[in-house]
Every structure is written in structure tokens, then in C-alpha cells.
Amino acid sequence: MKKILLSVCAMMLITFSAHADKRIGISAAFTMFDTSGTETTKSSSEKNSTTVEEDVVVPSLFFEIANDRGAALGFDIVPVDNQELGSGTGSDDDAETSGANKASAELTGHYTVYGLAPIGSAGGYLKAGLAYATIDTTETLATGTKYGNEDVKGFVIGVGVNKERDNGAFFRVEGTYSDYEDVTFLGTFNGNATGDSAVRNKIDADIDAVALRISLGKSF
């Protein structure tokens, strides 16, 4: 699905860019991820919930096409993986076993398709888009349970200010809020999801993010 969406986005940008201004740039987003999760154990149905906040700086590259009124269509991709969403450790913190447990998740393969709509005459704009990513889980659990990876999508909204020089160079500051869809991870026991020895727990997770993004770019 991701490859199809990337191909469609690339074709749209190529098609519309023939008669539009082009912009390229780099960004650094000071981002606070708010991740909440609930683990439900299979045999006892006990629920254990936690919320983790993680502050990270997320770099990205972007390409935009814009019309003469300033409206733009853009594509933003994060060139690095491992945006930590938080981790937790504990001793004897699983209801069905004894021993230390550690769980964490990372956001990888992140890209966003978005639109910009100008507001006012001072360079202000509104932003709205769709984000796509993969959540990679890493864990060391005394139960032997393993959780896989899941693709997620979400929406992005924001507001910003763009200041452009006569030579086409521009500086941009924006604030955004991202809300990713709820995702469920089903555990396996040593890679086996069934069988008498399987301890197949479940994790329901929700991720939100607030970011302050600073961008530098060039129009041509």
C-alpha cells in the first residue's frame, strides 16, 4: 500500500509541476509524541495501561508545487528511522509470569502528503495532510510474547508563516498537530500465534504528536 501511495503522489507532483512554482527544503521538527497503550493478557484478561511522552527532533525533506496564489501541494519524507515513541521496564510486572519486562516502539518510514492554503497578506498559511508510517515494536518479555509491526496513518493540521526573499530562498515556522489512528498488536509466543503454550496478549495503542517545525528552502 505504501509503494502505491508513493507512486500516486509522485505522479501527481510531476503532472502538476509542469506549470507551477517548485519548492524544495529541509525541516527540523521539535516534536512531542504522546503514546498511550493498554496491554490485555490472554488468560486473565487483565489490562495494564500506560502513557509515555517523548520529545525528539525529527528532520525531514520536502518538495512542493505552488500556484500563483500561493496554494501548494507538498510531499514530506523523514530520511531517518527510529523516532522513539517511548519505552518501559519493570520487574515482575506481568500478571502471568515473573521476571523483568521491557517494551518500546519506534516510528519508521514516515512520510506526509499535505496541502497549504494562504491566509492574509503576511505570509500566513493553513496546513492539512495525511501522514503514513510504520510502528516497529521491540520488547523483552518474560512471557516470551513478541509483538510485530503495524502500518498506521493519521491526519495533520497546522498553521504557519512563510517569509520569502527576492532570490526565492524562504524561511518558515509552523506548528502542527498529528493524530494517528488507533492500532492493535497481537502477540505471538516464539513466533507461534496458536497452540496450548501460546501466551497471546494484545496491545491497543494511540499516538498523538505536537510539533514546532522550522524550515529552510528555495523556490525555483
N, C-alpha and C. Protein backbone atom coordinates (compact mmCIF):
# COMPACT_ATOMS: atom_id res chain seq x y z
N MET A 1 0.82 -1.20 0.00
CA MET A 1 0.00 0.00 0.00
C MET A 1 0.86 1.27 0.00
N LYS A 2 1.92 1.26 0.81
CA LYS A 2 2.78 2.44 0.87
C LYS A 2 3.41 2.74 -0.49
N LYS A 3 3.86 1.68 -1.19
CA LYS A 3 4.50 1.88 -2.50
C LYS A 3 3.51 2.46 -3.50
N ILE A 4 2.27 1.99 -3.45
CA ILE A 4 1.24 2.51 -4.35
C ILE A 4 0.98 3.99 -4.08
N LEU A 5 0.84 4.34 -2.80
CA LEU A 5 0.58 5.73 -2.43
C LEU A 5 1.75 6.63 -2.84
N LEU A 6 2.97 6.15 -2.63
CA LEU A 6 4.14 6.93 -3.03
C LEU A 6 4.16 7.15 -4.53
N SER A 7 3.83 6.14 -5.30
CA SER A 7 3.82 6.25 -6.75
C SER A 7 2.76 7.24 -7.22
N VAL A 8 1.57 7.17 -6.61
CA VAL A 8 0.49 8.10 -6.97
C VAL A 8 0.89 9.53 -6.65
N CYS A 9 1.47 9.74 -5.48
CA CYS A 9 1.90 11.09 -5.08
C CYS A 9 2.96 11.63 -6.03
N ALA A 10 3.91 10.78 -6.41
CA ALA A 10 4.97 11.20 -7.31
C ALA A 10 4.39 11.60 -8.67
N MET A 11 3.44 10.83 -9.18
CA MET A 11 2.81 11.16 -10.46
C MET A 11 2.04 12.46 -10.39
N MET A 12 1.35 12.70 -9.26
CA MET A 12 0.60 13.95 -9.09
C MET A 12 1.54 15.14 -9.10
N LEU A 13 2.65 15.03 -8.37
CA LEU A 13 3.60 16.13 -8.30
C LEU A 13 4.21 16.41 -9.65
N ILE A 14 4.56 15.36 -10.39
CA ILE A 14 5.15 15.54 -11.71
C ILE A 14 4.14 16.19 -12.66
N THR A 15 2.89 15.73 -12.61
CA THR A 15 1.85 16.24 -13.50
C THR A 15 1.59 17.72 -13.27
N PHE A 16 1.41 18.11 -12.02
CA PHE A 16 1.06 19.48 -11.71
C PHE A 16 2.26 20.44 -11.73
N SER A 17 3.47 19.88 -11.61
CA SER A 17 4.64 20.75 -11.52
C SER A 17 5.04 21.37 -12.85
N ALA A 18 4.45 20.92 -13.96
CA ALA A 18 4.83 21.46 -15.27
C ALA A 18 4.51 22.94 -15.38
N HIS A 19 3.44 23.39 -14.73
CA HIS A 19 3.03 24.79 -14.83
C HIS A 19 2.90 25.42 -13.44
N ALA A 20 3.81 25.10 -12.56
CA ALA A 20 3.73 25.61 -11.19
C ALA A 20 5.12 25.92 -10.66
N ASP A 21 5.17 26.76 -9.64
CA ASP A 21 6.43 27.01 -8.95
C ASP A 21 6.81 25.78 -8.15
N LYS A 22 8.10 25.50 -8.08
CA LYS A 22 8.59 24.37 -7.30
C LYS A 22 9.33 24.89 -6.08
N ARG A 23 9.20 24.13 -5.00
CA ARG A 23 9.92 24.47 -3.77
C ARG A 23 10.54 23.20 -3.21
N ILE A 24 11.77 23.32 -2.76
CA ILE A 24 12.41 22.22 -2.06
C ILE A 24 12.99 22.77 -0.77
N GLY A 25 13.13 21.90 0.24
CA GLY A 25 13.65 22.40 1.50
C GLY A 25 13.92 21.30 2.50
N ILE A 26 14.43 21.72 3.64
CA ILE A 26 14.70 20.83 4.76
C ILE A 26 14.02 21.39 6.01
N SER A 27 13.66 20.51 6.91
CA SER A 27 12.97 20.92 8.13
C SER A 27 13.56 20.22 9.35
N ALA A 28 13.39 20.86 10.48
CA ALA A 28 13.65 20.23 11.78
C ALA A 28 12.42 20.48 12.64
N ALA A 29 11.78 19.39 13.06
CA ALA A 29 10.56 19.49 13.84
C ALA A 29 10.83 19.08 15.28
N PHE A 30 10.63 20.00 16.20
CA PHE A 30 10.77 19.72 17.62
C PHE A 30 9.44 19.12 18.07
N THR A 31 9.42 17.80 18.28
CA THR A 31 8.17 17.05 18.36
C THR A 31 8.01 16.39 19.71
N MET A 32 6.79 16.47 20.25
CA MET A 32 6.43 15.75 21.46
C MET A 32 5.42 14.66 21.08
N PHE A 33 5.84 13.40 21.19
CA PHE A 33 4.94 12.28 20.96
C PHE A 33 4.26 11.89 22.27
N ASP A 34 2.97 11.73 22.21
CA ASP A 34 2.17 11.28 23.36
C ASP A 34 1.59 9.92 22.99
N THR A 35 2.12 8.86 23.60
CA THR A 35 1.73 7.50 23.26
C THR A 35 1.06 6.84 24.45
N SER A 36 -0.14 6.35 24.25
CA SER A 36 -0.85 5.62 25.29
C SER A 36 -1.12 4.21 24.80
N GLY A 37 -1.01 3.26 25.72
CA GLY A 37 -1.22 1.87 25.33
C GLY A 37 -1.81 1.06 26.47
N THR A 38 -2.58 0.05 26.08
CA THR A 38 -3.17 -0.87 27.04
C THR A 38 -2.88 -2.30 26.60
N GLU A 39 -2.25 -3.07 27.47
CA GLU A 39 -1.98 -4.47 27.19
C GLU A 39 -3.04 -5.33 27.90
N THR A 40 -3.64 -6.24 27.14
CA THR A 40 -4.62 -7.18 27.68
C THR A 40 -4.04 -8.58 27.61
N THR A 41 -3.87 -9.22 28.77
CA THR A 41 -3.32 -10.57 28.80
C THR A 41 -4.39 -11.58 28.42
N LYS A 42 -3.97 -12.62 27.70
CA LYS A 42 -4.94 -13.55 27.13
C LYS A 42 -5.66 -14.38 28.19
N SER A 43 -4.90 -14.98 29.09
CA SER A 43 -5.52 -15.94 30.00
C SER A 43 -6.32 -15.29 31.12
N SER A 44 -5.86 -14.12 31.61
CA SER A 44 -6.54 -13.48 32.73
C SER A 44 -7.39 -12.28 32.33
N SER A 45 -7.20 -11.77 31.09
CA SER A 45 -7.91 -10.58 30.60
C SER A 45 -7.59 -9.34 31.43
N GLU A 46 -6.50 -9.40 32.17
CA GLU A 46 -6.08 -8.23 32.94
C GLU A 46 -5.58 -7.15 32.00
N LYS A 47 -5.91 -5.90 32.30
CA LYS A 47 -5.49 -4.77 31.47
C LYS A 47 -4.49 -3.93 32.24
N ASN A 48 -3.38 -3.59 31.55
CA ASN A 48 -2.37 -2.72 32.12
C ASN A 48 -2.14 -1.57 31.14
N SER A 49 -2.36 -0.35 31.63
CA SER A 49 -2.27 0.82 30.76
C SER A 49 -1.12 1.73 31.18
N THR A 50 -0.58 2.44 30.19
CA THR A 50 0.47 3.42 30.47
C THR A 50 0.46 4.49 29.40
N THR A 51 0.98 5.66 29.74
CA THR A 51 1.12 6.77 28.80
C THR A 51 2.55 7.28 28.88
N VAL A 52 3.18 7.48 27.72
CA VAL A 52 4.57 7.91 27.67
C VAL A 52 4.67 9.13 26.77
N GLU A 53 5.38 10.16 27.23
CA GLU A 53 5.69 11.32 26.41
C GLU A 53 7.16 11.31 26.06
N GLU A 54 7.44 11.55 24.78
CA GLU A 54 8.81 11.51 24.30
C GLU A 54 9.07 12.74 23.44
N ASP A 55 10.13 13.52 23.75
CA ASP A 55 10.49 14.70 22.98
C ASP A 55 11.68 14.37 22.08
N VAL A 56 11.51 14.60 20.78
CA VAL A 56 12.57 14.31 19.82
C VAL A 56 12.61 15.41 18.77
N VAL A 57 13.75 15.52 18.07
CA VAL A 57 13.89 16.40 16.92
C VAL A 57 13.85 15.53 15.67
N VAL A 58 12.88 15.78 14.81
CA VAL A 58 12.68 14.95 13.62
C VAL A 58 13.07 15.75 12.38
N PRO A 59 14.11 15.33 11.65
CA PRO A 59 14.47 16.01 10.40
C PRO A 59 13.63 15.49 9.24
N SER A 60 13.45 16.31 8.22
CA SER A 60 12.72 15.85 7.04
C SER A 60 13.12 16.66 5.82
N LEU A 61 12.80 16.10 4.66
CA LEU A 61 12.98 16.76 3.37
C LEU A 61 11.61 16.94 2.74
N PHE A 62 11.40 18.05 2.02
CA PHE A 62 10.10 18.24 1.40
C PHE A 62 10.22 18.85 0.01
N PHE A 63 9.20 18.57 -0.78
CA PHE A 63 9.08 19.12 -2.13
C PHE A 63 7.65 19.59 -2.31
N GLU A 64 7.49 20.80 -2.86
CA GLU A 64 6.16 21.38 -3.05
C GLU A 64 6.01 21.95 -4.45
N ILE A 65 4.77 22.01 -4.92
CA ILE A 65 4.42 22.76 -6.11
C ILE A 65 3.34 23.75 -5.69
N ALA A 66 3.41 24.97 -6.23
CA ALA A 66 2.51 26.04 -5.79
C ALA A 66 2.00 26.82 -6.98
N ASN A 67 0.76 27.30 -6.89
CA ASN A 67 0.22 28.14 -7.94
C ASN A 67 0.52 29.60 -7.66
N ASP A 68 0.07 30.49 -8.53
CA ASP A 68 0.41 31.90 -8.38
C ASP A 68 -0.33 32.58 -7.24
N ARG A 69 -1.29 31.88 -6.60
CA ARG A 69 -1.99 32.43 -5.45
C ARG A 69 -1.39 31.96 -4.13
N GLY A 70 -0.38 31.09 -4.23
CA GLY A 70 0.31 30.64 -3.02
C GLY A 70 -0.16 29.31 -2.47
N ALA A 71 -1.26 28.75 -3.01
CA ALA A 71 -1.69 27.43 -2.58
C ALA A 71 -0.69 26.38 -3.07
N ALA A 72 -0.44 25.36 -2.25
CA ALA A 72 0.61 24.40 -2.59
C ALA A 72 0.21 22.99 -2.23
N LEU A 73 0.78 22.05 -2.96
CA LEU A 73 0.69 20.62 -2.66
C LEU A 73 2.09 20.14 -2.37
N GLY A 74 2.27 19.41 -1.25
CA GLY A 74 3.61 19.03 -0.83
C GLY A 74 3.74 17.57 -0.42
N PHE A 75 4.98 17.14 -0.41
CA PHE A 75 5.33 15.78 -0.01
C PHE A 75 6.54 15.88 0.92
N ASP A 76 6.41 15.35 2.13
CA ASP A 76 7.45 15.44 3.15
C ASP A 76 7.85 14.01 3.56
N ILE A 77 9.15 13.76 3.60
CA ILE A 77 9.62 12.43 4.00
C ILE A 77 10.72 12.56 5.05
N VAL A 78 10.65 11.70 6.05
CA VAL A 78 11.68 11.66 7.10
C VAL A 78 12.75 10.67 6.66
N PRO A 79 14.00 11.13 6.42
CA PRO A 79 15.03 10.25 5.87
C PRO A 79 15.69 9.33 6.88
N VAL A 80 15.31 9.43 8.15
CA VAL A 80 15.89 8.58 9.18
C VAL A 80 14.77 7.85 9.90
N ASP A 81 15.09 6.68 10.43
CA ASP A 81 14.13 5.89 11.19
C ASP A 81 14.37 6.08 12.68
N ASN A 82 13.67 5.27 13.45
CA ASN A 82 13.89 5.18 14.89
C ASN A 82 13.51 6.46 15.63
N GLN A 83 12.32 6.97 15.37
CA GLN A 83 11.76 8.04 16.19
C GLN A 83 11.11 7.39 17.40
N GLU A 84 11.81 7.44 18.52
CA GLU A 84 11.40 6.71 19.72
C GLU A 84 10.05 7.21 20.22
N LEU A 85 9.13 6.29 20.45
CA LEU A 85 7.82 6.62 20.97
C LEU A 85 7.72 6.39 22.47
N GLY A 86 8.79 5.86 23.06
CA GLY A 86 8.77 5.62 24.49
C GLY A 86 9.03 4.16 24.80
N SER A 87 9.49 3.90 26.00
CA SER A 87 9.76 2.53 26.43
C SER A 87 9.48 2.42 27.91
N GLY A 88 9.35 1.19 28.36
CA GLY A 88 9.11 0.95 29.77
C GLY A 88 9.77 -0.33 30.23
N THR A 89 10.18 -0.37 31.48
CA THR A 89 10.78 -1.57 32.04
C THR A 89 10.12 -1.85 33.38
N GLY A 90 10.23 -3.08 33.79
CA GLY A 90 9.66 -3.41 35.07
C GLY A 90 10.18 -4.75 35.56
N SER A 91 10.01 -5.04 36.83
CA SER A 91 10.37 -6.32 37.41
C SER A 91 9.11 -6.98 37.93
N ASP A 92 8.88 -8.20 37.46
CA ASP A 92 7.66 -8.93 37.84
C ASP A 92 6.41 -8.10 37.54
N ASP A 93 6.42 -7.38 36.39
CA ASP A 93 5.27 -6.53 36.11
C ASP A 93 4.27 -7.17 35.17
N ASP A 94 4.41 -8.44 34.93
CA ASP A 94 3.43 -9.16 34.13
C ASP A 94 2.63 -10.08 35.04
N ALA A 95 1.32 -10.06 34.87
CA ALA A 95 0.46 -10.80 35.79
C ALA A 95 0.60 -12.30 35.64
N GLU A 96 1.18 -12.76 34.51
CA GLU A 96 1.18 -14.18 34.25
C GLU A 96 2.56 -14.83 34.40
N THR A 97 3.53 -14.07 34.80
CA THR A 97 4.87 -14.63 34.91
C THR A 97 5.69 -13.78 35.85
N SER A 98 6.88 -14.27 36.17
CA SER A 98 7.81 -13.46 36.94
C SER A 98 9.01 -13.16 36.07
N GLY A 99 9.69 -12.06 36.37
CA GLY A 99 10.84 -11.67 35.58
C GLY A 99 10.67 -10.27 35.04
N ALA A 100 11.80 -9.67 34.61
CA ALA A 100 11.78 -8.30 34.12
C ALA A 100 11.21 -8.26 32.72
N ASN A 101 10.49 -7.18 32.42
CA ASN A 101 9.91 -6.97 31.12
C ASN A 101 10.32 -5.60 30.61
N LYS A 102 10.56 -5.50 29.29
CA LYS A 102 10.91 -4.23 28.67
C LYS A 102 10.19 -4.15 27.33
N ALA A 103 9.55 -3.03 27.08
CA ALA A 103 8.86 -2.84 25.82
C ALA A 103 9.10 -1.43 25.30
N SER A 104 9.21 -1.29 23.99
CA SER A 104 9.39 0.02 23.38
C SER A 104 8.86 -0.03 21.95
N ALA A 105 8.69 1.16 21.36
CA ALA A 105 8.21 1.25 19.98
C ALA A 105 8.89 2.41 19.29
N GLU A 106 9.04 2.27 17.97
CA GLU A 106 9.67 3.30 17.16
C GLU A 106 8.82 3.56 15.93
N LEU A 107 8.79 4.83 15.49
CA LEU A 107 8.06 5.22 14.29
C LEU A 107 9.05 5.30 13.14
N THR A 108 8.81 4.52 12.08
CA THR A 108 9.75 4.45 10.96
C THR A 108 9.01 4.67 9.65
N GLY A 109 9.78 4.90 8.57
CA GLY A 109 9.21 5.04 7.24
C GLY A 109 8.14 6.11 7.15
N HIS A 110 8.36 7.26 7.77
CA HIS A 110 7.31 8.27 7.90
C HIS A 110 7.33 9.24 6.72
N TYR A 111 6.15 9.45 6.12
CA TYR A 111 6.01 10.48 5.09
C TYR A 111 4.62 11.10 5.17
N THR A 112 4.50 12.31 4.63
CA THR A 112 3.27 13.08 4.72
C THR A 112 2.95 13.71 3.37
N VAL A 113 1.71 13.63 2.96
CA VAL A 113 1.19 14.34 1.80
C VAL A 113 0.29 15.44 2.33
N TYR A 114 0.50 16.69 1.91
CA TYR A 114 -0.22 17.79 2.53
C TYR A 114 -0.52 18.91 1.53
N GLY A 115 -1.40 19.78 1.94
CA GLY A 115 -1.72 20.98 1.18
C GLY A 115 -1.55 22.22 2.04
N LEU A 116 -1.20 23.33 1.42
CA LEU A 116 -1.06 24.62 2.10
C LEU A 116 -2.03 25.62 1.47
N ALA A 117 -2.73 26.36 2.31
CA ALA A 117 -3.66 27.39 1.84
C ALA A 117 -3.27 28.72 2.47
N PRO A 118 -2.94 29.73 1.67
CA PRO A 118 -2.51 31.02 2.23
C PRO A 118 -3.64 31.73 2.96
N ILE A 119 -3.28 32.46 4.02
CA ILE A 119 -4.24 33.29 4.74
C ILE A 119 -3.60 34.65 4.97
N GLY A 120 -4.34 35.72 4.72
CA GLY A 120 -3.82 37.06 4.93
C GLY A 120 -2.77 37.44 3.90
N SER A 121 -2.09 38.54 4.17
CA SER A 121 -1.08 39.07 3.24
C SER A 121 0.32 39.10 3.84
N ALA A 122 0.50 38.45 5.01
CA ALA A 122 1.80 38.50 5.68
C ALA A 122 2.54 37.17 5.62
N GLY A 123 2.14 36.29 4.73
CA GLY A 123 2.82 35.00 4.59
C GLY A 123 2.23 33.88 5.41
N GLY A 124 1.10 34.11 6.05
CA GLY A 124 0.48 33.05 6.85
C GLY A 124 -0.16 31.98 5.98
N TYR A 125 -0.31 30.80 6.54
CA TYR A 125 -0.94 29.71 5.80
C TYR A 125 -1.51 28.67 6.76
N LEU A 126 -2.49 27.92 6.24
CA LEU A 126 -3.03 26.77 6.93
C LEU A 126 -2.49 25.51 6.27
N LYS A 127 -2.32 24.45 7.06
CA LYS A 127 -1.77 23.20 6.55
C LYS A 127 -2.69 22.05 6.95
N ALA A 128 -2.90 21.11 6.02
CA ALA A 128 -3.67 19.91 6.30
C ALA A 128 -3.12 18.78 5.43
N GLY A 129 -3.03 17.58 6.01
CA GLY A 129 -2.48 16.48 5.24
C GLY A 129 -2.72 15.14 5.89
N LEU A 130 -2.20 14.11 5.21
CA LEU A 130 -2.27 12.73 5.67
C LEU A 130 -0.85 12.21 5.88
N ALA A 131 -0.64 11.55 7.01
CA ALA A 131 0.68 11.00 7.34
C ALA A 131 0.61 9.48 7.35
N TYR A 132 1.70 8.85 6.94
CA TYR A 132 1.79 7.39 6.90
C TYR A 132 3.11 6.97 7.54
N ALA A 133 3.09 5.88 8.32
CA ALA A 133 4.29 5.41 8.99
C ALA A 133 4.13 3.96 9.39
N THR A 134 5.21 3.37 9.87
CA THR A 134 5.19 2.02 10.44
C THR A 134 5.64 2.10 11.89
N ILE A 135 4.92 1.42 12.77
CA ILE A 135 5.32 1.32 14.17
C ILE A 135 6.06 0.00 14.35
N ASP A 136 7.35 0.09 14.69
CA ASP A 136 8.17 -1.09 14.97
C ASP A 136 8.20 -1.30 16.48
N THR A 137 7.87 -2.49 16.93
CA THR A 137 7.90 -2.78 18.36
C THR A 137 9.14 -3.61 18.69
N THR A 138 9.73 -3.31 19.83
CA THR A 138 10.85 -4.10 20.35
C THR A 138 10.56 -4.38 21.80
N GLU A 139 10.75 -5.61 22.21
CA GLU A 139 10.41 -5.97 23.59
C GLU A 139 11.22 -7.16 24.06
N THR A 140 11.39 -7.22 25.37
CA THR A 140 11.97 -8.38 26.03
C THR A 140 11.03 -8.72 27.18
N LEU A 141 10.19 -9.73 26.97
CA LEU A 141 9.15 -10.05 27.93
C LEU A 141 9.37 -11.44 28.51
N ALA A 142 9.17 -11.57 29.81
CA ALA A 142 9.37 -12.85 30.46
C ALA A 142 8.36 -13.89 30.00
N THR A 143 7.23 -13.45 29.43
CA THR A 143 6.24 -14.39 28.92
C THR A 143 6.70 -15.06 27.64
N GLY A 144 7.69 -14.47 26.95
CA GLY A 144 8.08 -14.96 25.64
C GLY A 144 7.23 -14.38 24.53
N THR A 145 6.30 -13.48 24.87
CA THR A 145 5.43 -12.87 23.87
C THR A 145 6.21 -11.90 22.99
N LYS A 146 5.94 -11.92 21.68
CA LYS A 146 6.53 -11.00 20.73
C LYS A 146 5.41 -10.24 20.03
N TYR A 147 5.65 -8.96 19.80
CA TYR A 147 4.69 -8.15 19.06
C TYR A 147 5.33 -7.71 17.75
N GLY A 148 4.55 -7.73 16.68
CA GLY A 148 5.07 -7.37 15.36
C GLY A 148 5.00 -5.89 15.09
N ASN A 149 5.03 -5.54 13.80
CA ASN A 149 4.99 -4.16 13.36
C ASN A 149 3.68 -3.90 12.63
N GLU A 150 3.21 -2.66 12.68
CA GLU A 150 1.96 -2.30 12.04
C GLU A 150 2.09 -0.96 11.32
N ASP A 151 1.45 -0.86 10.14
CA ASP A 151 1.38 0.41 9.43
C ASP A 151 0.23 1.24 9.99
N VAL A 152 0.45 2.53 10.09
CA VAL A 152 -0.59 3.43 10.59
C VAL A 152 -0.68 4.65 9.68
N LYS A 153 -1.83 5.29 9.72
CA LYS A 153 -1.99 6.57 9.03
C LYS A 153 -2.65 7.54 9.99
N GLY A 154 -2.57 8.81 9.67
CA GLY A 154 -3.15 9.82 10.53
C GLY A 154 -3.32 11.13 9.78
N PHE A 155 -3.99 12.09 10.42
CA PHE A 155 -4.15 13.39 9.79
C PHE A 155 -3.26 14.41 10.49
N VAL A 156 -2.89 15.44 9.73
CA VAL A 156 -2.03 16.51 10.22
C VAL A 156 -2.71 17.84 9.94
N ILE A 157 -2.79 18.71 10.93
CA ILE A 157 -3.29 20.06 10.74
C ILE A 157 -2.31 21.03 11.37
N GLY A 158 -2.24 22.24 10.82
CA GLY A 158 -1.30 23.19 11.38
C GLY A 158 -1.49 24.58 10.81
N VAL A 159 -0.69 25.48 11.33
CA VAL A 159 -0.68 26.87 10.88
C VAL A 159 0.75 27.36 10.91
N GLY A 160 1.10 28.22 9.96
CA GLY A 160 2.49 28.68 9.91
C GLY A 160 2.63 30.01 9.21
N VAL A 161 3.89 30.47 9.16
CA VAL A 161 4.25 31.72 8.48
C VAL A 161 5.44 31.44 7.57
N ASN A 162 5.34 31.90 6.32
CA ASN A 162 6.40 31.71 5.33
C ASN A 162 6.92 33.07 4.89
N LYS A 163 8.23 33.26 4.98
CA LYS A 163 8.86 34.50 4.54
C LYS A 163 9.84 34.19 3.42
N GLU A 164 9.62 34.81 2.26
CA GLU A 164 10.45 34.52 1.09
C GLU A 164 11.20 35.76 0.63
N ARG A 165 12.45 35.56 0.24
CA ARG A 165 13.29 36.64 -0.27
C ARG A 165 13.13 36.74 -1.78
N ASP A 166 13.69 37.82 -2.34
CA ASP A 166 13.58 38.04 -3.78
C ASP A 166 14.28 36.96 -4.60
N ASN A 167 15.31 36.34 -4.02
CA ASN A 167 16.04 35.30 -4.75
C ASN A 167 15.38 33.92 -4.65
N GLY A 168 14.22 33.84 -4.02
CA GLY A 168 13.49 32.58 -3.92
C GLY A 168 13.75 31.79 -2.65
N ALA A 169 14.76 32.17 -1.86
CA ALA A 169 15.01 31.49 -0.59
C ALA A 169 13.91 31.83 0.40
N PHE A 170 13.50 30.87 1.21
CA PHE A 170 12.44 31.15 2.17
C PHE A 170 12.73 30.50 3.52
N PHE A 171 12.13 31.10 4.53
CA PHE A 171 12.22 30.63 5.91
C PHE A 171 10.79 30.45 6.42
N ARG A 172 10.56 29.36 7.13
CA ARG A 172 9.19 29.00 7.51
C ARG A 172 9.16 28.49 8.95
N VAL A 173 8.15 28.91 9.69
CA VAL A 173 7.90 28.40 11.04
C VAL A 173 6.45 27.95 11.10
N GLU A 174 6.20 26.75 11.60
CA GLU A 174 4.82 26.29 11.70
C GLU A 174 4.63 25.40 12.92
N GLY A 175 3.42 25.36 13.39
CA GLY A 175 3.03 24.46 14.46
C GLY A 175 2.01 23.47 13.93
N THR A 176 2.15 22.20 14.27
CA THR A 176 1.25 21.17 13.76
C THR A 176 0.79 20.22 14.87
N TYR A 177 -0.35 19.62 14.62
CA TYR A 177 -0.87 18.56 15.48
C TYR A 177 -1.16 17.36 14.60
N SER A 178 -0.67 16.19 15.00
CA SER A 178 -0.89 14.94 14.26
C SER A 178 -1.61 13.95 15.15
N ASP A 179 -2.63 13.32 14.60
CA ASP A 179 -3.40 12.30 15.31
C ASP A 179 -3.40 11.03 14.47
N TYR A 180 -2.73 9.99 14.96
CA TYR A 180 -2.64 8.73 14.24
C TYR A 180 -3.77 7.81 14.68
N GLU A 181 -4.19 6.94 13.77
CA GLU A 181 -5.26 6.01 14.07
C GLU A 181 -4.84 5.04 15.18
N ASP A 182 -5.82 4.55 15.91
CA ASP A 182 -5.55 3.53 16.92
C ASP A 182 -5.07 2.25 16.23
N VAL A 183 -4.14 1.58 16.87
CA VAL A 183 -3.57 0.37 16.26
C VAL A 183 -3.52 -0.73 17.31
N THR A 184 -3.72 -1.97 16.86
CA THR A 184 -3.73 -3.13 17.74
C THR A 184 -2.61 -4.09 17.33
N PHE A 185 -1.82 -4.53 18.32
CA PHE A 185 -0.77 -5.51 18.11
C PHE A 185 -1.16 -6.80 18.82
N LEU A 186 -1.14 -7.91 18.10
CA LEU A 186 -1.41 -9.21 18.70
C LEU A 186 -0.09 -9.93 18.91
N GLY A 187 0.11 -10.43 20.13
CA GLY A 187 1.35 -11.08 20.48
C GLY A 187 1.41 -12.51 19.97
N THR A 188 2.63 -13.00 19.78
CA THR A 188 2.86 -14.40 19.45
C THR A 188 3.84 -14.98 20.45
N PHE A 189 3.83 -16.28 20.63
CA PHE A 189 4.74 -16.95 21.55
C PHE A 189 5.78 -17.67 20.71
N ASN A 190 7.02 -17.13 20.75
CA ASN A 190 8.11 -17.69 19.95
C ASN A 190 7.73 -17.83 18.48
N GLY A 191 7.03 -16.80 17.97
CA GLY A 191 6.63 -16.79 16.58
C GLY A 191 5.40 -17.59 16.27
N ASN A 192 4.78 -18.22 17.27
CA ASN A 192 3.61 -19.06 17.06
C ASN A 192 2.40 -18.41 17.72
N ALA A 193 1.36 -18.13 16.92
CA ALA A 193 0.19 -17.44 17.46
C ALA A 193 -0.84 -18.39 18.04
N THR A 194 -0.65 -19.69 17.89
CA THR A 194 -1.63 -20.64 18.38
C THR A 194 -0.93 -21.73 19.16
N GLY A 195 -1.71 -22.62 19.74
CA GLY A 195 -1.11 -23.73 20.48
C GLY A 195 -1.34 -23.57 21.97
N ASP A 196 -1.25 -24.68 22.69
CA ASP A 196 -1.51 -24.65 24.13
C ASP A 196 -0.52 -23.79 24.89
N SER A 197 0.73 -23.70 24.39
CA SER A 197 1.75 -22.94 25.12
C SER A 197 1.76 -21.46 24.76
N ALA A 198 0.91 -21.07 23.82
CA ALA A 198 0.94 -19.67 23.38
C ALA A 198 0.36 -18.76 24.45
N VAL A 199 1.05 -17.64 24.67
CA VAL A 199 0.53 -16.58 25.52
C VAL A 199 0.31 -15.40 24.61
N ARG A 200 -0.88 -15.32 24.04
CA ARG A 200 -1.14 -14.30 23.02
C ARG A 200 -1.82 -13.09 23.62
N ASN A 201 -1.01 -12.15 24.05
CA ASN A 201 -1.54 -10.92 24.61
C ASN A 201 -1.87 -9.94 23.49
N LYS A 202 -2.49 -8.83 23.88
CA LYS A 202 -2.88 -7.81 22.91
C LYS A 202 -2.54 -6.43 23.45
N ILE A 203 -2.04 -5.56 22.55
CA ILE A 203 -1.77 -4.17 22.91
C ILE A 203 -2.57 -3.26 22.00
N ASP A 204 -3.34 -2.35 22.60
CA ASP A 204 -4.03 -1.29 21.88
C ASP A 204 -3.29 0.01 22.15
N ALA A 205 -2.90 0.71 21.07
CA ALA A 205 -2.07 1.91 21.23
C ALA A 205 -2.66 3.08 20.45
N ASP A 206 -2.40 4.27 20.97
CA ASP A 206 -2.84 5.50 20.32
C ASP A 206 -1.68 6.50 20.40
N ILE A 207 -1.41 7.19 19.28
CA ILE A 207 -0.28 8.11 19.20
C ILE A 207 -0.75 9.47 18.72
N ASP A 208 -0.37 10.50 19.43
CA ASP A 208 -0.58 11.89 19.02
C ASP A 208 0.77 12.60 19.03
N ALA A 209 0.88 13.67 18.26
CA ALA A 209 2.14 14.41 18.23
C ALA A 209 1.87 15.89 18.03
N VAL A 210 2.59 16.72 18.77
CA VAL A 210 2.57 18.17 18.60
C VAL A 210 3.98 18.60 18.22
N ALA A 211 4.10 19.43 17.18
CA ALA A 211 5.44 19.77 16.68
C ALA A 211 5.55 21.25 16.37
N LEU A 212 6.74 21.78 16.61
CA LEU A 212 7.14 23.11 16.14
C LEU A 212 8.20 22.89 15.09
N ARG A 213 7.90 23.27 13.85
CA ARG A 213 8.78 22.97 12.72
C ARG A 213 9.42 24.23 12.17
N ILE A 214 10.72 24.18 11.93
CA ILE A 214 11.46 25.25 11.30
C ILE A 214 12.00 24.74 9.97
N SER A 215 11.77 25.49 8.90
CA SER A 215 12.15 25.03 7.56
C SER A 215 12.94 26.08 6.82
N LEU A 216 13.86 25.62 5.99
CA LEU A 216 14.60 26.45 5.06
C LEU A 216 14.44 25.84 3.68
N GLY A 217 14.24 26.69 2.67
CA GLY A 217 14.05 26.15 1.34
C GLY A 217 14.31 27.15 0.25
N LYS A 218 14.02 26.70 -0.99
CA LYS A 218 14.29 27.53 -2.17
C LYS A 218 13.18 27.29 -3.19
N SER A 219 12.67 28.36 -3.74
CA SER A 219 11.70 28.29 -4.82
C SER A 219 12.41 28.48 -6.15
N PHE A 220 11.94 27.78 -7.17
CA PHE A 220 12.55 27.93 -8.49
C PHE A 220 11.53 27.66 -9.59
